[in-house]
Amino acid sequence: MYHFFGLGLDYKPILHKQLFEMLYFSQGSFTHTDLYEMPVYLRTFYYRELSKQLKTEKDAMDKGSNSNNTGRPNIPSWAKSSKE
């Protein structure tokens, strides 16, 4: 048990989960060292912005997939035979 006013033992897994998610979903925009040494308020800001962006992209993909759902596969014009 620690006897100083620091972060609890439960913080480390939370920190490393956040670092992993930011490294994975930012597609190389950050390095592990960048994120680990970044001030907490900046890392939190970037984490929230990245989460918002991913949610926006997911919503756009969901909206697009729902509007084109005709029950038939979407065959590109170059792949269709000339008899159609």
Protein backbone atom coordinates (compact mmCIF):
# COMPACT_ATOMS: atom_id res chain seq x y z
CA MET A 1 0.00 0.00 0.00
CA TYR A 2 1.24 3.45 -0.87
CA HIS A 3 1.57 6.10 1.79
CA PHE A 4 1.59 9.17 -0.36
CA PHE A 5 -1.08 11.20 -2.07
CA GLY A 6 -0.76 9.75 -5.53
CA LEU A 7 -2.87 7.84 -7.92
CA GLY A 8 -4.38 4.57 -6.80
CA LEU A 9 -3.43 1.16 -8.12
CA ASP A 10 -6.56 1.05 -10.26
CA TYR A 11 -5.34 3.99 -12.38
CA LYS A 12 -2.59 2.12 -14.25
CA PRO A 13 -4.88 -0.24 -16.22
CA ILE A 14 -7.12 2.71 -17.11
CA LEU A 15 -4.14 4.72 -18.33
CA HIS A 16 -2.75 1.92 -20.46
CA LYS A 17 -6.17 1.12 -21.95
CA GLN A 18 -6.51 4.77 -22.96
CA LEU A 19 -2.99 4.78 -24.41
CA PHE A 20 -3.69 1.62 -26.40
CA GLU A 21 -6.96 2.96 -27.81
CA MET A 22 -5.35 6.23 -28.82
CA LEU A 23 -2.40 4.48 -30.46
CA TYR A 24 -4.62 2.01 -32.29
CA PHE A 25 -7.37 4.34 -33.49
CA SER A 26 -5.23 7.41 -34.26
CA GLN A 27 -3.54 5.43 -37.06
CA GLY A 28 -0.02 6.48 -36.16
CA SER A 29 -0.69 10.08 -35.23
CA PHE A 30 0.85 9.53 -31.80
CA THR A 31 3.69 7.47 -30.42
CA HIS A 32 3.58 5.71 -27.07
CA THR A 33 6.15 8.14 -25.68
CA ASP A 34 4.17 11.14 -26.93
CA LEU A 35 1.05 9.96 -25.15
CA TYR A 36 2.74 8.72 -21.99
CA GLU A 37 4.60 11.98 -21.46
CA MET A 38 1.73 14.22 -22.57
CA PRO A 39 0.05 16.26 -19.84
CA VAL A 40 -3.14 14.61 -18.65
CA TYR A 41 -5.38 17.50 -19.71
CA LEU A 42 -4.06 17.34 -23.29
CA ARG A 43 -4.28 13.56 -23.48
CA THR A 44 -7.86 13.73 -22.22
CA PHE A 45 -8.68 16.39 -24.80
CA TYR A 46 -7.26 14.33 -27.68
CA TYR A 47 -8.95 11.18 -26.38
CA ARG A 48 -12.36 12.88 -26.34
CA GLU A 49 -11.84 14.42 -29.79
CA LEU A 50 -10.75 11.08 -31.23
CA SER A 51 -13.81 9.41 -29.67
CA LYS A 52 -16.13 12.05 -31.17
CA GLN A 53 -14.54 11.65 -34.61
CA LEU A 54 -14.83 7.86 -34.55
CA LYS A 55 -18.48 8.11 -33.47
CA THR A 56 -19.19 10.59 -36.30
CA GLU A 57 -17.57 8.26 -38.83
CA LYS A 58 -19.48 5.25 -37.49
CA ASP A 59 -22.78 7.13 -37.67
CA ALA A 60 -22.05 8.19 -41.26
CA MET A 61 -21.22 4.61 -42.24
CA ASP A 62 -24.38 3.31 -40.55
CA LYS A 63 -26.49 5.94 -42.30
CA GLY A 64 -24.90 5.11 -45.66
CA SER A 65 -25.35 1.38 -45.27
CA ASN A 66 -29.00 1.78 -44.26
CA SER A 67 -29.88 4.02 -47.22
CA ASN A 68 -28.39 1.63 -49.82
CA ASN A 69 -29.96 -1.49 -48.36
CA THR A 70 -32.11 -2.83 -51.23
CA GLY A 71 -31.71 -6.47 -50.33
CA ARG A 72 -29.51 -7.13 -53.37
CA PRO A 73 -25.75 -6.94 -53.57
CA ASN A 74 -24.32 -3.77 -55.07
CA ILE A 75 -22.57 -4.92 -58.27
CA PRO A 76 -20.27 -2.38 -59.88
CA SER A 77 -21.11 -1.44 -63.46
CA TRP A 78 -17.81 -2.78 -64.80
CA ALA A 79 -18.63 -6.24 -63.42
CA LYS A 80 -22.08 -6.49 -65.01
CA SER A 81 -22.45 -8.43 -68.22
CA SER A 82 -23.46 -6.60 -71.39
CA LYS A 83 -26.73 -8.62 -71.58
CA GLU A 84 -28.29 -6.73 -68.67
